[in-house]
Amino acid sequence: MKYTAYISYGSNLGDKKVVIQKALDLINSLSGVSITAYSNFYSSDAWGFSSENSFLNGVIEISTELSAFSLLEALQRIEQSLGRNEKTTQEYVDRFIDLDIIGYENLVLTTPALTIPHEWMHVRNFVLEPLAEIAPEWTHPLYLMSANELLANSTDKSEVRKVDAL
């Protein structure tokens, strides 16, 4: 069975476009996964911590045969292969790559390892802008609002700037 999922990505270290392209290529090469839509790149300041390095963010839509947990494990392996360190604290830090499952069909899941939909996606413009670009009618299963509606109602005041397409 095929499922539709949305993955946000971000990088604020190194050659961000190169790192992101490698991550997306690795995602697309996973067995049972294909990328079906790409957002443009979006630039934003760090969210939740201070950094001199701006982020490059975006969202992809995938079609997958993987379960949500298998997808998470695959994404974590990709992050580690591209230099992502294990989280040792709950604080945010600069990173080469961050891959988050923000939505997986209409699944609502809360476990210590994985929360779907992503618990902060609805208050992060750097996620909502690219999501609304590629899936404006995707509906958040808890808030019952489309990506466009979530963006229009966002309380996030940070600036998100479209950079260019992949």
N, C-alpha and C. Protein backbone atom coordinates (compact mmCIF):
# COMPACT_ATOMS: atom_id res chain seq x y z
N MET A 1 0.84 -1.18 0.00
CA MET A 1 0.00 0.00 0.00
C MET A 1 0.89 1.24 0.00
N LYS A 2 0.47 2.24 -0.75
CA LYS A 2 1.22 3.50 -0.84
C LYS A 2 0.57 4.55 0.05
N TYR A 3 1.42 5.31 0.73
CA TYR A 3 0.96 6.39 1.60
C TYR A 3 1.61 7.70 1.14
N THR A 4 0.93 8.80 1.40
CA THR A 4 1.49 10.12 1.12
C THR A 4 1.96 10.72 2.44
N ALA A 5 3.18 11.24 2.41
CA ALA A 5 3.75 11.87 3.60
C ALA A 5 4.44 13.16 3.18
N TYR A 6 4.63 14.04 4.15
CA TYR A 6 5.30 15.31 3.93
C TYR A 6 6.49 15.40 4.87
N ILE A 7 7.63 15.77 4.31
CA ILE A 7 8.87 15.86 5.07
C ILE A 7 9.42 17.28 4.93
N SER A 8 9.68 17.92 6.05
CA SER A 8 10.35 19.22 6.00
C SER A 8 11.84 18.97 6.15
N TYR A 9 12.62 19.83 5.51
CA TYR A 9 14.07 19.72 5.61
C TYR A 9 14.64 21.10 5.89
N GLY A 10 15.80 21.11 6.53
CA GLY A 10 16.48 22.36 6.81
C GLY A 10 17.95 22.13 7.03
N SER A 11 18.74 23.15 6.70
CA SER A 11 20.18 23.11 6.89
C SER A 11 20.66 24.53 7.16
N ASN A 12 21.61 24.68 8.10
CA ASN A 12 22.21 25.99 8.30
C ASN A 12 23.72 25.91 8.47
N LEU A 13 24.31 24.81 8.05
CA LEU A 13 25.77 24.66 8.10
C LEU A 13 26.28 24.14 6.76
N GLY A 14 27.51 24.50 6.42
CA GLY A 14 28.14 24.00 5.21
C GLY A 14 27.49 24.56 3.96
N ASP A 15 27.68 23.85 2.84
CA ASP A 15 27.04 24.23 1.58
C ASP A 15 25.62 23.68 1.63
N LYS A 16 24.70 24.51 2.11
CA LYS A 16 23.34 24.07 2.43
C LYS A 16 22.64 23.42 1.24
N LYS A 17 22.73 24.01 0.07
CA LYS A 17 22.05 23.44 -1.10
C LYS A 17 22.61 22.07 -1.44
N VAL A 18 23.92 21.91 -1.36
CA VAL A 18 24.53 20.61 -1.67
C VAL A 18 24.08 19.56 -0.66
N VAL A 19 24.12 19.90 0.62
CA VAL A 19 23.70 18.96 1.67
C VAL A 19 22.23 18.57 1.48
N ILE A 20 21.38 19.55 1.22
CA ILE A 20 19.95 19.26 1.02
C ILE A 20 19.75 18.39 -0.20
N GLN A 21 20.44 18.70 -1.31
CA GLN A 21 20.29 17.88 -2.51
C GLN A 21 20.72 16.44 -2.26
N LYS A 22 21.81 16.25 -1.51
CA LYS A 22 22.24 14.89 -1.16
C LYS A 22 21.16 14.19 -0.34
N ALA A 23 20.59 14.90 0.64
CA ALA A 23 19.54 14.31 1.47
C ALA A 23 18.34 13.91 0.62
N LEU A 24 17.93 14.79 -0.29
CA LEU A 24 16.77 14.49 -1.13
C LEU A 24 17.06 13.33 -2.08
N ASP A 25 18.27 13.27 -2.61
CA ASP A 25 18.65 12.14 -3.46
C ASP A 25 18.61 10.83 -2.68
N LEU A 26 19.10 10.86 -1.43
CA LEU A 26 19.08 9.66 -0.59
C LEU A 26 17.65 9.25 -0.25
N ILE A 27 16.79 10.22 0.02
CA ILE A 27 15.37 9.90 0.28
C ILE A 27 14.75 9.25 -0.95
N ASN A 28 15.00 9.83 -2.11
CA ASN A 28 14.41 9.32 -3.35
C ASN A 28 14.95 7.94 -3.70
N SER A 29 16.13 7.58 -3.18
CA SER A 29 16.71 6.27 -3.49
C SER A 29 16.27 5.18 -2.51
N LEU A 30 15.53 5.56 -1.47
CA LEU A 30 15.05 4.57 -0.51
C LEU A 30 14.08 3.61 -1.20
N SER A 31 14.17 2.36 -0.87
CA SER A 31 13.24 1.37 -1.42
C SER A 31 11.83 1.67 -0.93
N GLY A 32 10.90 1.75 -1.87
CA GLY A 32 9.51 2.01 -1.50
C GLY A 32 9.19 3.47 -1.28
N VAL A 33 10.08 4.39 -1.70
CA VAL A 33 9.86 5.82 -1.52
C VAL A 33 10.12 6.54 -2.84
N SER A 34 9.24 7.46 -3.19
CA SER A 34 9.52 8.34 -4.32
C SER A 34 9.01 9.74 -3.98
N ILE A 35 9.82 10.75 -4.33
CA ILE A 35 9.43 12.13 -4.11
C ILE A 35 8.48 12.53 -5.22
N THR A 36 7.31 13.05 -4.84
CA THR A 36 6.29 13.41 -5.83
C THR A 36 6.12 14.91 -5.99
N ALA A 37 6.65 15.71 -5.06
CA ALA A 37 6.59 17.18 -5.18
C ALA A 37 7.69 17.80 -4.34
N TYR A 38 8.27 18.89 -4.87
CA TYR A 38 9.31 19.65 -4.21
C TYR A 38 8.85 21.09 -4.06
N SER A 39 9.08 21.68 -2.90
CA SER A 39 8.84 23.12 -2.76
C SER A 39 10.08 23.87 -3.23
N ASN A 40 9.95 25.17 -3.35
CA ASN A 40 11.12 26.02 -3.51
C ASN A 40 11.90 25.99 -2.21
N PHE A 41 13.11 26.55 -2.26
CA PHE A 41 13.88 26.77 -1.04
C PHE A 41 13.36 28.03 -0.36
N TYR A 42 13.41 28.04 0.97
CA TYR A 42 13.04 29.20 1.75
C TYR A 42 14.16 29.47 2.75
N SER A 43 14.50 30.73 2.89
CA SER A 43 15.53 31.14 3.84
C SER A 43 14.86 31.74 5.07
N SER A 44 15.39 31.40 6.24
CA SER A 44 14.84 31.95 7.47
C SER A 44 15.93 31.97 8.54
N ASP A 45 15.71 32.80 9.53
CA ASP A 45 16.60 32.81 10.69
C ASP A 45 16.31 31.58 11.53
N ALA A 46 17.23 31.26 12.41
CA ALA A 46 17.05 30.13 13.32
C ALA A 46 15.77 30.33 14.13
N TRP A 47 15.09 29.23 14.41
CA TRP A 47 13.85 29.25 15.18
C TRP A 47 14.11 28.51 16.47
N GLY A 48 13.87 29.15 17.59
CA GLY A 48 14.02 28.49 18.89
C GLY A 48 15.41 28.59 19.49
N PHE A 49 16.35 29.20 18.77
CA PHE A 49 17.70 29.42 19.30
C PHE A 49 18.37 30.51 18.48
N SER A 50 19.46 31.05 19.01
CA SER A 50 20.21 32.10 18.31
C SER A 50 21.34 31.48 17.50
N SER A 51 21.48 31.96 16.27
CA SER A 51 22.56 31.50 15.42
C SER A 51 22.89 32.58 14.42
N GLU A 52 24.16 32.67 14.06
CA GLU A 52 24.58 33.60 13.02
C GLU A 52 24.25 33.04 11.64
N ASN A 53 23.92 31.76 11.56
CA ASN A 53 23.70 31.07 10.30
C ASN A 53 22.21 30.97 9.98
N SER A 54 21.81 31.49 8.83
CA SER A 54 20.41 31.35 8.43
C SER A 54 20.16 29.93 7.93
N PHE A 55 18.92 29.55 7.93
CA PHE A 55 18.52 28.22 7.46
C PHE A 55 18.03 28.28 6.03
N LEU A 56 18.21 27.18 5.33
CA LEU A 56 17.58 26.93 4.05
C LEU A 56 16.61 25.79 4.32
N ASN A 57 15.33 26.02 4.02
CA ASN A 57 14.28 25.06 4.35
C ASN A 57 13.43 24.75 3.13
N GLY A 58 12.65 23.71 3.25
CA GLY A 58 11.67 23.35 2.24
C GLY A 58 10.88 22.15 2.70
N VAL A 59 9.97 21.72 1.83
CA VAL A 59 9.13 20.55 2.12
C VAL A 59 9.04 19.72 0.84
N ILE A 60 9.04 18.41 1.03
CA ILE A 60 8.78 17.50 -0.08
C ILE A 60 7.55 16.66 0.25
N GLU A 61 6.87 16.24 -0.79
CA GLU A 61 5.79 15.26 -0.67
C GLU A 61 6.37 13.96 -1.19
N ILE A 62 6.10 12.87 -0.48
CA ILE A 62 6.57 11.57 -0.93
C ILE A 62 5.41 10.59 -1.01
N SER A 63 5.59 9.61 -1.84
CA SER A 63 4.74 8.43 -1.87
C SER A 63 5.60 7.32 -1.29
N THR A 64 5.08 6.60 -0.31
CA THR A 64 5.91 5.60 0.37
C THR A 64 5.14 4.35 0.73
N GLU A 65 5.85 3.25 0.71
CA GLU A 65 5.33 1.98 1.22
C GLU A 65 5.80 1.74 2.65
N LEU A 66 6.68 2.61 3.15
CA LEU A 66 7.22 2.46 4.50
C LEU A 66 6.21 2.90 5.54
N SER A 67 6.23 2.24 6.67
CA SER A 67 5.44 2.72 7.81
C SER A 67 6.05 4.02 8.30
N ALA A 68 5.32 4.74 9.12
CA ALA A 68 5.85 6.00 9.67
C ALA A 68 7.13 5.75 10.46
N PHE A 69 7.18 4.67 11.24
CA PHE A 69 8.38 4.39 12.05
C PHE A 69 9.55 3.97 11.18
N SER A 70 9.31 3.19 10.13
CA SER A 70 10.39 2.82 9.21
C SER A 70 10.90 4.03 8.46
N LEU A 71 10.00 4.94 8.09
CA LEU A 71 10.41 6.17 7.43
C LEU A 71 11.27 7.01 8.38
N LEU A 72 10.86 7.14 9.62
CA LEU A 72 11.64 7.89 10.61
C LEU A 72 13.05 7.30 10.72
N GLU A 73 13.16 5.99 10.85
CA GLU A 73 14.47 5.35 10.96
C GLU A 73 15.33 5.63 9.74
N ALA A 74 14.73 5.57 8.55
CA ALA A 74 15.47 5.85 7.32
C ALA A 74 15.95 7.29 7.28
N LEU A 75 15.09 8.22 7.68
CA LEU A 75 15.46 9.64 7.69
C LEU A 75 16.58 9.90 8.70
N GLN A 76 16.53 9.25 9.85
CA GLN A 76 17.58 9.42 10.85
C GLN A 76 18.92 8.88 10.35
N ARG A 77 18.90 7.78 9.60
CA ARG A 77 20.13 7.24 9.01
C ARG A 77 20.70 8.24 7.99
N ILE A 78 19.83 8.84 7.19
CA ILE A 78 20.28 9.83 6.21
C ILE A 78 20.89 11.04 6.93
N GLU A 79 20.22 11.53 7.97
CA GLU A 79 20.76 12.66 8.74
C GLU A 79 22.16 12.33 9.27
N GLN A 80 22.32 11.16 9.85
CA GLN A 80 23.61 10.77 10.42
C GLN A 80 24.67 10.65 9.34
N SER A 81 24.30 10.13 8.16
CA SER A 81 25.27 9.98 7.07
C SER A 81 25.74 11.33 6.54
N LEU A 82 24.95 12.38 6.77
CA LEU A 82 25.29 13.72 6.31
C LEU A 82 25.81 14.62 7.43
N GLY A 83 26.21 14.01 8.56
CA GLY A 83 26.88 14.77 9.60
C GLY A 83 26.01 15.24 10.75
N ARG A 84 24.77 14.80 10.80
CA ARG A 84 23.90 15.21 11.91
C ARG A 84 24.30 14.47 13.17
N ASN A 85 24.50 15.20 14.24
CA ASN A 85 24.85 14.59 15.52
C ASN A 85 23.58 14.16 16.24
N GLU A 86 23.72 13.14 17.07
CA GLU A 86 22.60 12.71 17.91
C GLU A 86 22.22 13.85 18.84
N LYS A 87 20.93 13.97 19.11
CA LYS A 87 20.49 14.98 20.07
C LYS A 87 20.90 14.52 21.47
N THR A 88 21.60 15.42 22.17
CA THR A 88 21.99 15.10 23.54
C THR A 88 21.23 15.95 24.54
N THR A 89 20.58 17.01 24.04
CA THR A 89 19.76 17.86 24.90
C THR A 89 18.49 18.20 24.13
N GLN A 90 17.59 18.88 24.76
CA GLN A 90 16.36 19.31 24.11
C GLN A 90 16.54 20.66 23.42
N GLU A 91 17.76 21.24 23.52
CA GLU A 91 18.01 22.54 22.91
C GLU A 91 18.27 22.39 21.42
N TYR A 92 17.88 23.42 20.66
CA TYR A 92 18.15 23.44 19.24
C TYR A 92 19.57 23.93 19.01
N VAL A 93 20.22 23.39 17.97
CA VAL A 93 21.59 23.77 17.63
C VAL A 93 21.71 23.86 16.11
N ASP A 94 22.81 24.49 15.65
CA ASP A 94 23.10 24.50 14.22
C ASP A 94 23.21 23.06 13.73
N ARG A 95 22.85 22.84 12.46
CA ARG A 95 22.91 21.47 11.95
C ARG A 95 23.10 21.46 10.44
N PHE A 96 23.77 20.39 9.98
CA PHE A 96 23.95 20.20 8.54
C PHE A 96 22.62 19.85 7.88
N ILE A 97 21.83 19.02 8.55
CA ILE A 97 20.56 18.60 7.96
C ILE A 97 19.58 18.23 9.07
N ASP A 98 18.34 18.58 8.84
CA ASP A 98 17.26 18.20 9.74
C ASP A 98 16.11 17.74 8.85
N LEU A 99 15.65 16.53 9.08
CA LEU A 99 14.54 15.96 8.31
C LEU A 99 13.43 15.58 9.29
N ASP A 100 12.26 16.15 9.09
CA ASP A 100 11.13 15.88 9.99
C ASP A 100 9.92 15.44 9.19
N ILE A 101 9.27 14.38 9.67
CA ILE A 101 7.98 13.98 9.09
C ILE A 101 6.95 14.94 9.67
N ILE A 102 6.34 15.74 8.82
CA ILE A 102 5.35 16.70 9.33
C ILE A 102 3.93 16.19 9.17
N GLY A 103 3.72 15.28 8.24
CA GLY A 103 2.41 14.69 8.05
C GLY A 103 2.55 13.36 7.35
N TYR A 104 1.67 12.43 7.70
CA TYR A 104 1.68 11.09 7.10
C TYR A 104 0.23 10.67 6.99
N GLU A 105 -0.31 10.80 5.75
CA GLU A 105 -1.75 10.58 5.54
C GLU A 105 -2.53 11.40 6.58
N ASN A 106 -3.52 10.78 7.21
CA ASN A 106 -4.29 11.45 8.27
C ASN A 106 -3.90 10.93 9.65
N LEU A 107 -2.72 10.33 9.73
CA LEU A 107 -2.25 9.71 10.96
C LEU A 107 -2.07 10.74 12.08
N VAL A 108 -2.54 10.36 13.25
CA VAL A 108 -2.28 11.11 14.49
C VAL A 108 -1.59 10.14 15.42
N LEU A 109 -0.36 10.49 15.82
CA LEU A 109 0.47 9.57 16.59
C LEU A 109 1.32 10.38 17.56
N THR A 110 1.36 9.94 18.81
CA THR A 110 2.22 10.58 19.80
C THR A 110 2.94 9.50 20.58
N THR A 111 4.24 9.38 20.32
CA THR A 111 5.09 8.42 21.04
C THR A 111 6.35 9.16 21.43
N PRO A 112 7.17 8.58 22.31
CA PRO A 112 8.44 9.23 22.65
C PRO A 112 9.35 9.42 21.43
N ALA A 113 9.25 8.53 20.44
CA ALA A 113 10.13 8.60 19.27
C ALA A 113 9.58 9.44 18.13
N LEU A 114 8.26 9.52 18.03
CA LEU A 114 7.67 10.14 16.85
C LEU A 114 6.29 10.73 17.16
N THR A 115 6.10 11.97 16.73
CA THR A 115 4.80 12.63 16.85
C THR A 115 4.38 13.07 15.45
N ILE A 116 3.20 12.64 15.03
CA ILE A 116 2.63 13.01 13.74
C ILE A 116 1.20 13.43 13.96
N PRO A 117 0.79 14.59 13.41
CA PRO A 117 1.63 15.54 12.70
C PRO A 117 2.66 16.16 13.63
N HIS A 118 3.72 16.69 13.02
CA HIS A 118 4.79 17.29 13.81
C HIS A 118 4.19 18.30 14.78
N GLU A 119 4.58 18.22 16.04
CA GLU A 119 3.93 19.01 17.08
C GLU A 119 4.10 20.51 16.96
N TRP A 120 5.10 20.99 16.19
CA TRP A 120 5.31 22.44 16.08
C TRP A 120 5.07 22.98 14.67
N MET A 121 4.69 22.12 13.75
CA MET A 121 4.58 22.56 12.36
C MET A 121 3.61 23.72 12.17
N HIS A 122 2.54 23.76 12.92
CA HIS A 122 1.50 24.78 12.74
C HIS A 122 1.90 26.16 13.22
N VAL A 123 3.06 26.27 13.90
CA VAL A 123 3.54 27.57 14.37
C VAL A 123 4.91 27.90 13.79
N ARG A 124 5.26 27.26 12.71
CA ARG A 124 6.56 27.50 12.06
C ARG A 124 6.33 27.88 10.60
N ASN A 125 6.50 29.15 10.30
CA ASN A 125 6.29 29.60 8.92
C ASN A 125 7.27 28.96 7.95
N PHE A 126 8.48 28.61 8.43
CA PHE A 126 9.44 27.98 7.53
C PHE A 126 9.00 26.57 7.12
N VAL A 127 8.02 26.01 7.80
CA VAL A 127 7.40 24.75 7.39
C VAL A 127 6.10 25.04 6.62
N LEU A 128 5.31 25.96 7.12
CA LEU A 128 4.00 26.23 6.51
C LEU A 128 4.10 26.84 5.11
N GLU A 129 5.05 27.76 4.89
CA GLU A 129 5.19 28.38 3.55
C GLU A 129 5.44 27.33 2.47
N PRO A 130 6.47 26.48 2.62
CA PRO A 130 6.70 25.49 1.56
C PRO A 130 5.62 24.41 1.50
N LEU A 131 5.02 24.05 2.64
CA LEU A 131 3.93 23.07 2.61
C LEU A 131 2.74 23.63 1.85
N ALA A 132 2.38 24.87 2.12
CA ALA A 132 1.25 25.49 1.42
C ALA A 132 1.54 25.64 -0.08
N GLU A 133 2.81 25.77 -0.43
CA GLU A 133 3.18 25.86 -1.85
C GLU A 133 2.86 24.57 -2.59
N ILE A 134 3.21 23.41 -2.00
CA ILE A 134 3.05 22.14 -2.73
C ILE A 134 1.78 21.38 -2.38
N ALA A 135 1.18 21.68 -1.23
CA ALA A 135 -0.03 20.96 -0.79
C ALA A 135 -0.96 21.91 -0.06
N PRO A 136 -1.46 22.94 -0.75
CA PRO A 136 -2.26 23.96 -0.08
C PRO A 136 -3.52 23.43 0.59
N GLU A 137 -4.06 22.33 0.09
CA GLU A 137 -5.30 21.79 0.65
C GLU A 137 -5.07 20.66 1.65
N TRP A 138 -3.79 20.27 1.88
CA TRP A 138 -3.52 19.25 2.89
C TRP A 138 -4.13 19.72 4.20
N THR A 139 -4.86 18.82 4.87
CA THR A 139 -5.57 19.20 6.09
C THR A 139 -4.91 18.58 7.32
N HIS A 140 -4.60 19.45 8.27
CA HIS A 140 -4.03 19.01 9.55
C HIS A 140 -5.09 18.17 10.26
N PRO A 141 -4.78 16.91 10.61
CA PRO A 141 -5.81 16.04 11.18
C PRO A 141 -6.30 16.41 12.58
N LEU A 142 -5.59 17.26 13.29
CA LEU A 142 -6.04 17.70 14.62
C LEU A 142 -6.75 19.05 14.56
N TYR A 143 -6.18 19.99 13.80
CA TYR A 143 -6.75 21.34 13.74
C TYR A 143 -7.80 21.49 12.64
N LEU A 144 -7.88 20.50 11.76
CA LEU A 144 -8.87 20.48 10.66
C LEU A 144 -8.81 21.76 9.84
N MET A 145 -7.58 22.22 9.60
CA MET A 145 -7.35 23.39 8.76
C MET A 145 -6.37 22.99 7.67
N SER A 146 -6.55 23.58 6.46
CA SER A 146 -5.64 23.31 5.36
C SER A 146 -4.29 23.98 5.62
N ALA A 147 -3.30 23.59 4.85
CA ALA A 147 -1.99 24.24 4.96
C ALA A 147 -2.12 25.74 4.73
N ASN A 148 -2.93 26.13 3.74
CA ASN A 148 -3.16 27.56 3.49
C ASN A 148 -3.78 28.25 4.70
N GLU A 149 -4.76 27.62 5.33
CA GLU A 149 -5.42 28.20 6.50
C GLU A 149 -4.47 28.27 7.70
N LEU A 150 -3.66 27.23 7.89
CA LEU A 150 -2.67 27.26 8.97
C LEU A 150 -1.71 28.42 8.78
N LEU A 151 -1.25 28.62 7.55
CA LEU A 151 -0.33 29.71 7.27
C LEU A 151 -1.01 31.06 7.50
N ALA A 152 -2.23 31.21 7.04
CA ALA A 152 -2.95 32.47 7.20
C ALA A 152 -3.20 32.80 8.68
N ASN A 153 -3.32 31.77 9.51
CA ASN A 153 -3.60 31.96 10.93
C ASN A 153 -2.36 31.83 11.82
N SER A 154 -1.20 31.69 11.22
CA SER A 154 0.03 31.48 11.99
C SER A 154 0.34 32.68 12.87
N THR A 155 0.81 32.40 14.07
CA THR A 155 1.25 33.45 14.99
C THR A 155 2.75 33.69 14.90
N ASP A 156 3.43 32.91 14.07
CA ASP A 156 4.88 33.06 13.86
C ASP A 156 5.13 34.36 13.11
N LYS A 157 5.89 35.25 13.70
CA LYS A 157 6.19 36.55 13.09
C LYS A 157 7.53 36.57 12.35
N SER A 158 8.21 35.42 12.30
CA SER A 158 9.51 35.40 11.64
C SER A 158 9.36 35.51 10.13
N GLU A 159 10.38 36.08 9.50
CA GLU A 159 10.36 36.28 8.06
C GLU A 159 10.90 35.05 7.35
N VAL A 160 10.16 34.61 6.33
CA VAL A 160 10.56 33.48 5.50
C VAL A 160 10.61 33.99 4.09
N ARG A 161 11.77 33.81 3.42
CA ARG A 161 11.97 34.35 2.08
C ARG A 161 12.19 33.22 1.08
N LYS A 162 11.39 33.22 0.00
CA LYS A 162 11.58 32.23 -1.07
C LYS A 162 12.91 32.51 -1.75
N VAL A 163 13.70 31.45 -1.95
CA VAL A 163 15.01 31.61 -2.55
C VAL A 163 14.95 31.19 -4.02
N ASP A 164 14.74 29.92 -4.31
CA ASP A 164 14.58 29.44 -5.67
C ASP A 164 14.23 27.96 -5.65
N ALA A 165 13.96 27.40 -6.81
CA ALA A 165 13.58 26.00 -6.91
C ALA A 165 14.82 25.13 -6.88
N LEU A 166 14.62 23.86 -6.58
CA LEU A 166 15.72 22.90 -6.61
C LEU A 166 16.22 22.73 -8.02
